[in-house]
Amino acid sequence: MDTEQRTVWKALARSPASIVLMVYTFICVWFVGGLTVFHLYLVGTNQVLHFSPCLPLPLYTVATCGS
C-alpha cells in the first residue's frame, strides 16, 4: 500500500480543472435546489402563477379576449 498521505488538496493541486468543475457543479446544484425549495413553498402554501390568458395581440388581428 502507498504510504503517501492522500488528501483532497493534493488531488486538486494536480488537477486544477477539477476546481472549476467543483465550482460549476456547486452553482448548478444550488440553483436547482433553490428553485425546488421555492416551488415546494409555492405548492405548500397553495399559491399559483398569476397570468393573463388574454395577451395583447398584434394590430392586424381582430379578436377580443373573452368573446
PDB file of N, CA and C in Angstrom:
ATOM      1  N   MET A   1       0.838  -1.172   0.000  1.00  0.00           N
ATOM      2  CA  MET A   1       0.000   0.000   0.000  1.00  0.00           C
ATOM      3  C   MET A   1       0.888   1.241   0.000  1.00  0.00           C
ATOM      4  N   ASP A   2       0.401   2.273  -0.610  1.00  0.00           N
ATOM      5  CA  ASP A   2       1.141   3.519  -0.711  1.00  0.00           C
ATOM      6  C   ASP A   2       1.168   4.208   0.650  1.00  0.00           C
ATOM      7  N   THR A   3       2.358   4.577   1.109  1.00  0.00           N
ATOM      8  CA  THR A   3       2.472   5.213   2.423  1.00  0.00           C
ATOM      9  C   THR A   3       2.265   6.723   2.341  1.00  0.00           C
ATOM     10  N   GLU A   4       2.184   7.253   1.128  1.00  0.00           N
ATOM     11  CA  GLU A   4       1.983   8.695   0.973  1.00  0.00           C
ATOM     12  C   GLU A   4       0.576   9.083   1.410  1.00  0.00           C
ATOM     13  N   GLN A   5       0.483  10.177   2.137  1.00  0.00           N
ATOM     14  CA  GLN A   5      -0.802  10.690   2.601  1.00  0.00           C
ATOM     15  C   GLN A   5      -1.570  11.271   1.419  1.00  0.00           C
ATOM     16  N   ARG A   6      -2.779  10.792   1.194  1.00  0.00           N
ATOM     17  CA  ARG A   6      -3.603  11.305   0.110  1.00  0.00           C
ATOM     18  C   ARG A   6      -4.639  12.260   0.675  1.00  0.00           C
ATOM     19  N   THR A   7      -4.681  13.455   0.116  1.00  0.00           N
ATOM     20  CA  THR A   7      -5.648  14.441   0.570  1.00  0.00           C
ATOM     21  C   THR A   7      -6.349  15.047  -0.644  1.00  0.00           C
ATOM     22  N   VAL A   8      -7.473  15.667  -0.382  1.00  0.00           N
ATOM     23  CA  VAL A   8      -8.220  16.334  -1.444  1.00  0.00           C
ATOM     24  C   VAL A   8      -7.399  17.494  -1.997  1.00  0.00           C
ATOM     25  N   TRP A   9      -6.685  18.192  -1.131  1.00  0.00           N
ATOM     26  CA  TRP A   9      -5.915  19.357  -1.568  1.00  0.00           C
ATOM     27  C   TRP A   9      -4.809  18.968  -2.528  1.00  0.00           C
ATOM     28  N   LYS A  10      -4.163  17.837  -2.294  1.00  0.00           N
ATOM     29  CA  LYS A  10      -3.125  17.378  -3.218  1.00  0.00           C
ATOM     30  C   LYS A  10      -3.730  16.969  -4.552  1.00  0.00           C
ATOM     31  N   ALA A  11      -4.887  16.342  -4.497  1.00  0.00           N
ATOM     32  CA  ALA A  11      -5.550  15.947  -5.737  1.00  0.00           C
ATOM     33  C   ALA A  11      -5.968  17.173  -6.538  1.00  0.00           C
ATOM     34  N   LEU A  12      -6.461  18.203  -5.859  1.00  0.00           N
ATOM     35  CA  LEU A  12      -6.854  19.428  -6.549  1.00  0.00           C
ATOM     36  C   LEU A  12      -5.645  20.154  -7.121  1.00  0.00           C
ATOM     37  N   ALA A  13      -4.542  20.091  -6.445  1.00  0.00           N
ATOM     38  CA  ALA A  13      -3.332  20.736  -6.943  1.00  0.00           C
ATOM     39  C   ALA A  13      -2.830  20.056  -8.214  1.00  0.00           C
ATOM     40  N   ARG A  14      -3.051  18.765  -8.324  1.00  0.00           N
ATOM     41  CA  ARG A  14      -2.614  18.038  -9.521  1.00  0.00           C
ATOM     42  C   ARG A  14      -3.555  18.254 -10.703  1.00  0.00           C
ATOM     43  N   SER A  15      -4.796  18.597 -10.424  1.00  0.00           N
ATOM     44  CA  SER A  15      -5.780  18.766 -11.496  1.00  0.00           C
ATOM     45  C   SER A  15      -6.588  20.040 -11.255  1.00  0.00           C
ATOM     46  N   PRO A  16      -6.102  21.180 -11.718  1.00  0.00           N
ATOM     47  CA  PRO A  16      -6.815  22.442 -11.489  1.00  0.00           C
ATOM     48  C   PRO A  16      -8.188  22.484 -12.166  1.00  0.00           C
ATOM     49  N   ALA A  17      -8.382  21.716 -13.220  1.00  0.00           N
ATOM     50  CA  ALA A  17      -9.680  21.700 -13.895  1.00  0.00           C
ATOM     51  C   ALA A  17     -10.770  21.167 -12.972  1.00  0.00           C
ATOM     52  N   SER A  18     -10.407  20.335 -12.028  1.00  0.00           N
ATOM     53  CA  SER A  18     -11.406  19.798 -11.107  1.00  0.00           C
ATOM     54  C   SER A  18     -11.958  20.888 -10.191  1.00  0.00           C
ATOM     55  N   ILE A  19     -11.176  21.921  -9.920  1.00  0.00           N
ATOM     56  CA  ILE A  19     -11.667  23.050  -9.117  1.00  0.00           C
ATOM     57  C   ILE A  19     -12.780  23.765  -9.871  1.00  0.00           C
ATOM     58  N   VAL A  20     -12.559  23.980 -11.165  1.00  0.00           N
ATOM     59  CA  VAL A  20     -13.578  24.622 -11.995  1.00  0.00           C
ATOM     60  C   VAL A  20     -14.838  23.774 -12.023  1.00  0.00           C
ATOM     61  N   LEU A  21     -14.683  22.475 -12.173  1.00  0.00           N
ATOM     62  CA  LEU A  21     -15.843  21.581 -12.188  1.00  0.00           C
ATOM     63  C   LEU A  21     -16.576  21.569 -10.852  1.00  0.00           C
ATOM     64  N   MET A  22     -15.837  21.643  -9.764  1.00  0.00           N
ATOM     65  CA  MET A  22     -16.476  21.675  -8.449  1.00  0.00           C
ATOM     66  C   MET A  22     -17.294  22.949  -8.262  1.00  0.00           C
ATOM     67  N   VAL A  23     -16.746  24.083  -8.684  1.00  0.00           N
ATOM     68  CA  VAL A  23     -17.461  25.355  -8.565  1.00  0.00           C
ATOM     69  C   VAL A  23     -18.700  25.344  -9.454  1.00  0.00           C
ATOM     70  N   TYR A  24     -18.555  24.874 -10.679  1.00  0.00           N
ATOM     71  CA  TYR A  24     -19.680  24.803 -11.617  1.00  0.00           C
ATOM     72  C   TYR A  24     -20.786  23.896 -11.082  1.00  0.00           C
ATOM     73  N   THR A  25     -20.401  22.749 -10.567  1.00  0.00           N
ATOM     74  CA  THR A  25     -21.382  21.809 -10.021  1.00  0.00           C
ATOM     75  C   THR A  25     -22.083  22.404  -8.806  1.00  0.00           C
ATOM     76  N   PHE A  26     -21.343  23.077  -7.938  1.00  0.00           N
ATOM     77  CA  PHE A  26     -21.941  23.694  -6.766  1.00  0.00           C
ATOM     78  C   PHE A  26     -22.979  24.738  -7.165  1.00  0.00           C
ATOM     79  N   ILE A  27     -22.642  25.580  -8.151  1.00  0.00           N
ATOM     80  CA  ILE A  27     -23.577  26.616  -8.598  1.00  0.00           C
ATOM     81  C   ILE A  27     -24.835  25.984  -9.196  1.00  0.00           C
ATOM     82  N   CYS A  28     -24.670  24.957 -10.014  1.00  0.00           N
ATOM     83  CA  CYS A  28     -25.833  24.293 -10.628  1.00  0.00           C
ATOM     84  C   CYS A  28     -26.721  23.640  -9.583  1.00  0.00           C
ATOM     85  N   VAL A  29     -26.125  22.943  -8.643  1.00  0.00           N
ATOM     86  CA  VAL A  29     -26.908  22.276  -7.596  1.00  0.00           C
ATOM     87  C   VAL A  29     -27.603  23.313  -6.723  1.00  0.00           C
ATOM     88  N   TRP A  30     -26.926  24.402  -6.392  1.00  0.00           N
ATOM     89  CA  TRP A  30     -27.519  25.466  -5.580  1.00  0.00           C
ATOM     90  C   TRP A  30     -28.712  26.088  -6.298  1.00  0.00           C
ATOM     91  N   PHE A  31     -28.576  26.327  -7.611  1.00  0.00           N
ATOM     92  CA  PHE A  31     -29.652  26.921  -8.396  1.00  0.00           C
ATOM     93  C   PHE A  31     -30.860  25.992  -8.475  1.00  0.00           C
ATOM     94  N   VAL A  32     -30.633  24.743  -8.820  1.00  0.00           N
ATOM     95  CA  VAL A  32     -31.735  23.779  -8.937  1.00  0.00           C
ATOM     96  C   VAL A  32     -32.362  23.523  -7.569  1.00  0.00           C
ATOM     97  N   GLY A  33     -31.538  23.402  -6.540  1.00  0.00           N
ATOM     98  CA  GLY A  33     -32.070  23.192  -5.194  1.00  0.00           C
ATOM     99  C   GLY A  33     -32.886  24.375  -4.718  1.00  0.00           C
ATOM    100  N   GLY A  34     -32.420  25.582  -5.005  1.00  0.00           N
ATOM    101  CA  GLY A  34     -33.163  26.781  -4.619  1.00  0.00           C
ATOM    102  C   GLY A  34     -34.502  26.864  -5.320  1.00  0.00           C
ATOM    103  N   LEU A  35     -34.521  26.578  -6.611  1.00  0.00           N
ATOM    104  CA  LEU A  35     -35.790  26.587  -7.345  1.00  0.00           C
ATOM    105  C   LEU A  35     -36.731  25.500  -6.837  1.00  0.00           C
ATOM    106  N   THR A  36     -36.187  24.355  -6.488  1.00  0.00           N
ATOM    107  CA  THR A  36     -37.012  23.271  -5.956  1.00  0.00           C
ATOM    108  C   THR A  36     -37.656  23.684  -4.634  1.00  0.00           C
ATOM    109  N   VAL A  37     -36.868  24.257  -3.750  1.00  0.00           N
ATOM    110  CA  VAL A  37     -37.405  24.683  -2.458  1.00  0.00           C
ATOM    111  C   VAL A  37     -38.444  25.790  -2.653  1.00  0.00           C
ATOM    112  N   PHE A  38     -38.181  26.721  -3.565  1.00  0.00           N
ATOM    113  CA  PHE A  38     -39.125  27.798  -3.826  1.00  0.00           C
ATOM    114  C   PHE A  38     -40.445  27.254  -4.357  1.00  0.00           C
ATOM    115  N   HIS A  39     -40.395  26.322  -5.295  1.00  0.00           N
ATOM    116  CA  HIS A  39     -41.630  25.765  -5.851  1.00  0.00           C
ATOM    117  C   HIS A  39     -42.352  24.876  -4.843  1.00  0.00           C
ATOM    118  N   LEU A  40     -41.623  24.186  -4.003  1.00  0.00           N
ATOM    119  CA  LEU A  40     -42.276  23.423  -2.934  1.00  0.00           C
ATOM    120  C   LEU A  40     -42.989  24.360  -1.962  1.00  0.00           C
ATOM    121  N   TYR A  41     -42.387  25.517  -1.707  1.00  0.00           N
ATOM    122  CA  TYR A  41     -43.038  26.529  -0.873  1.00  0.00           C
ATOM    123  C   TYR A  41     -44.324  27.007  -1.529  1.00  0.00           C
ATOM    124  N   LEU A  42     -44.276  27.295  -2.828  1.00  0.00           N
ATOM    125  CA  LEU A  42     -45.468  27.756  -3.533  1.00  0.00           C
ATOM    126  C   LEU A  42     -46.573  26.710  -3.505  1.00  0.00           C
ATOM    127  N   VAL A  43     -46.216  25.463  -3.717  1.00  0.00           N
ATOM    128  CA  VAL A  43     -47.215  24.389  -3.682  1.00  0.00           C
ATOM    129  C   VAL A  43     -47.742  24.218  -2.266  1.00  0.00           C
ATOM    130  N   GLY A  44     -46.859  24.271  -1.282  1.00  0.00           N
ATOM    131  CA  GLY A  44     -47.267  24.093   0.107  1.00  0.00           C
ATOM    132  C   GLY A  44     -48.176  25.176   0.623  1.00  0.00           C
ATOM    133  N   THR A  45     -48.020  26.402   0.113  1.00  0.00           N
ATOM    134  CA  THR A  45     -48.868  27.500   0.548  1.00  0.00           C
ATOM    135  C   THR A  45     -50.022  27.745  -0.424  1.00  0.00           C
ATOM    136  N   ASN A  46     -50.207  26.846  -1.369  1.00  0.00           N
ATOM    137  CA  ASN A  46     -51.306  26.885  -2.329  1.00  0.00           C
ATOM    138  C   ASN A  46     -51.308  28.185  -3.135  1.00  0.00           C
ATOM    139  N   GLN A  47     -50.145  28.584  -3.583  1.00  0.00           N
ATOM    140  CA  GLN A  47     -50.023  29.757  -4.441  1.00  0.00           C
ATOM    141  C   GLN A  47     -49.794  29.283  -5.872  1.00  0.00           C
ATOM    142  N   VAL A  48     -50.312  30.041  -6.796  1.00  0.00           N
ATOM    143  CA  VAL A  48     -50.152  29.675  -8.204  1.00  0.00           C
ATOM    144  C   VAL A  48     -49.584  30.859  -8.965  1.00  0.00           C
ATOM    145  N   LEU A  49     -49.135  30.584 -10.155  1.00  0.00           N
ATOM    146  CA  LEU A  49     -48.647  31.636 -11.029  1.00  0.00           C
ATOM    147  C   LEU A  49     -49.842  32.407 -11.555  1.00  0.00           C
ATOM    148  N   HIS A  50     -49.827  33.700 -11.390  1.00  0.00           N
ATOM    149  CA  HIS A  50     -50.913  34.540 -11.888  1.00  0.00           C
ATOM    150  C   HIS A  50     -50.542  35.035 -13.281  1.00  0.00           C
ATOM    151  N   PHE A  51     -51.308  34.607 -14.243  1.00  0.00           N
ATOM    152  CA  PHE A  51     -51.055  35.047 -15.600  1.00  0.00           C
ATOM    153  C   PHE A  51     -52.378  35.385 -16.265  1.00  0.00           C
ATOM    154  N   SER A  52     -52.289  36.187 -17.277  1.00  0.00           N
ATOM    155  CA  SER A  52     -53.477  36.571 -18.026  1.00  0.00           C
ATOM    156  C   SER A  52     -53.485  35.824 -19.348  1.00  0.00           C
ATOM    157  N   PRO A  53     -54.518  35.035 -19.614  1.00  0.00           N
ATOM    158  CA  PRO A  53     -54.551  34.325 -20.889  1.00  0.00           C
ATOM    159  C   PRO A  53     -54.856  35.260 -22.055  1.00  0.00           C
ATOM    160  N   CYS A  54     -55.217  36.497 -21.772  1.00  0.00           N
ATOM    161  CA  CYS A  54     -55.552  37.466 -22.819  1.00  0.00           C
ATOM    162  C   CYS A  54     -54.356  38.377 -23.059  1.00  0.00           C
ATOM    163  N   LEU A  55     -53.385  37.865 -23.759  1.00  0.00           N
ATOM    164  CA  LEU A  55     -52.208  38.663 -24.055  1.00  0.00           C
ATOM    165  C   LEU A  55     -52.517  39.623 -25.184  1.00  0.00           C
ATOM    166  N   PRO A  56     -51.836  40.739 -25.259  1.00  0.00           N
ATOM    167  CA  PRO A  56     -52.071  41.674 -26.363  1.00  0.00           C
ATOM    168  C   PRO A  56     -51.754  41.002 -27.696  1.00  0.00           C
ATOM    169  N   LEU A  57     -52.666  41.139 -28.630  1.00  0.00           N
ATOM    170  CA  LEU A  57     -52.490  40.539 -29.945  1.00  0.00           C
ATOM    171  C   LEU A  57     -51.884  41.563 -30.892  1.00  0.00           C
ATOM    172  N   PRO A  58     -51.280  41.103 -31.979  1.00  0.00           N
ATOM    173  CA  PRO A  58     -50.772  42.060 -32.968  1.00  0.00           C
ATOM    174  C   PRO A  58     -51.911  42.908 -33.532  1.00  0.00           C
ATOM    175  N   LEU A  59     -51.577  44.067 -34.063  1.00  0.00           N
ATOM    176  CA  LEU A  59     -52.582  45.015 -34.527  1.00  0.00           C
ATOM    177  C   LEU A  59     -53.396  44.513 -35.710  1.00  0.00           C
ATOM    178  N   TYR A  60     -52.875  43.585 -36.490  1.00  0.00           N
ATOM    179  CA  TYR A  60     -53.567  43.147 -37.686  1.00  0.00           C
ATOM    180  C   TYR A  60     -54.637  42.095 -37.415  1.00  0.00           C
ATOM    181  N   THR A  61     -54.725  41.591 -36.198  1.00  0.00           N
ATOM    182  CA  THR A  61     -55.769  40.610 -35.892  1.00  0.00           C
ATOM    183  C   THR A  61     -56.932  41.311 -35.199  1.00  0.00           C
ATOM    184  N   VAL A  62     -58.116  40.821 -35.468  1.00  0.00           N
ATOM    185  CA  VAL A  62     -59.309  41.386 -34.837  1.00  0.00           C
ATOM    186  C   VAL A  62     -59.867  40.315 -33.921  1.00  0.00           C
ATOM    187  N   ALA A  63     -59.568  40.433 -32.655  1.00  0.00           N
ATOM    188  CA  ALA A  63     -60.056  39.468 -31.684  1.00  0.00           C
ATOM    189  C   ALA A  63     -60.153  40.164 -30.339  1.00  0.00           C
ATOM    190  N   THR A  64     -61.075  39.728 -29.533  1.00  0.00           N
ATOM    191  CA  THR A  64     -61.202  40.266 -28.190  1.00  0.00           C
ATOM    192  C   THR A  64     -61.120  39.122 -27.202  1.00  0.00           C
ATOM    193  N   CYS A  65     -60.618  39.411 -26.075  1.00  0.00           N
ATOM    194  CA  CYS A  65     -60.499  38.401 -25.033  1.00  0.00           C
ATOM    195  C   CYS A  65     -61.867  38.172 -24.399  1.00  0.00           C
ATOM    196  N   GLY A  66     -62.210  36.919 -24.231  1.00  0.00           N
ATOM    197  CA  GLY A  66     -63.459  36.583 -23.561  1.00  0.00           C
ATOM    198  C   GLY A  66     -64.659  36.555 -24.481  1.00  0.00           C
ATOM    199  N   SER A  67     -64.487  36.698 -25.762  1.00  0.00           N
ATOM    200  CA  SER A  67     -65.647  36.661 -26.646  1.00  0.00           C
ATOM    201  C   SER A  67     -65.855  35.282 -27.237  1.00  0.00           C
TER     202      SER A  67
END
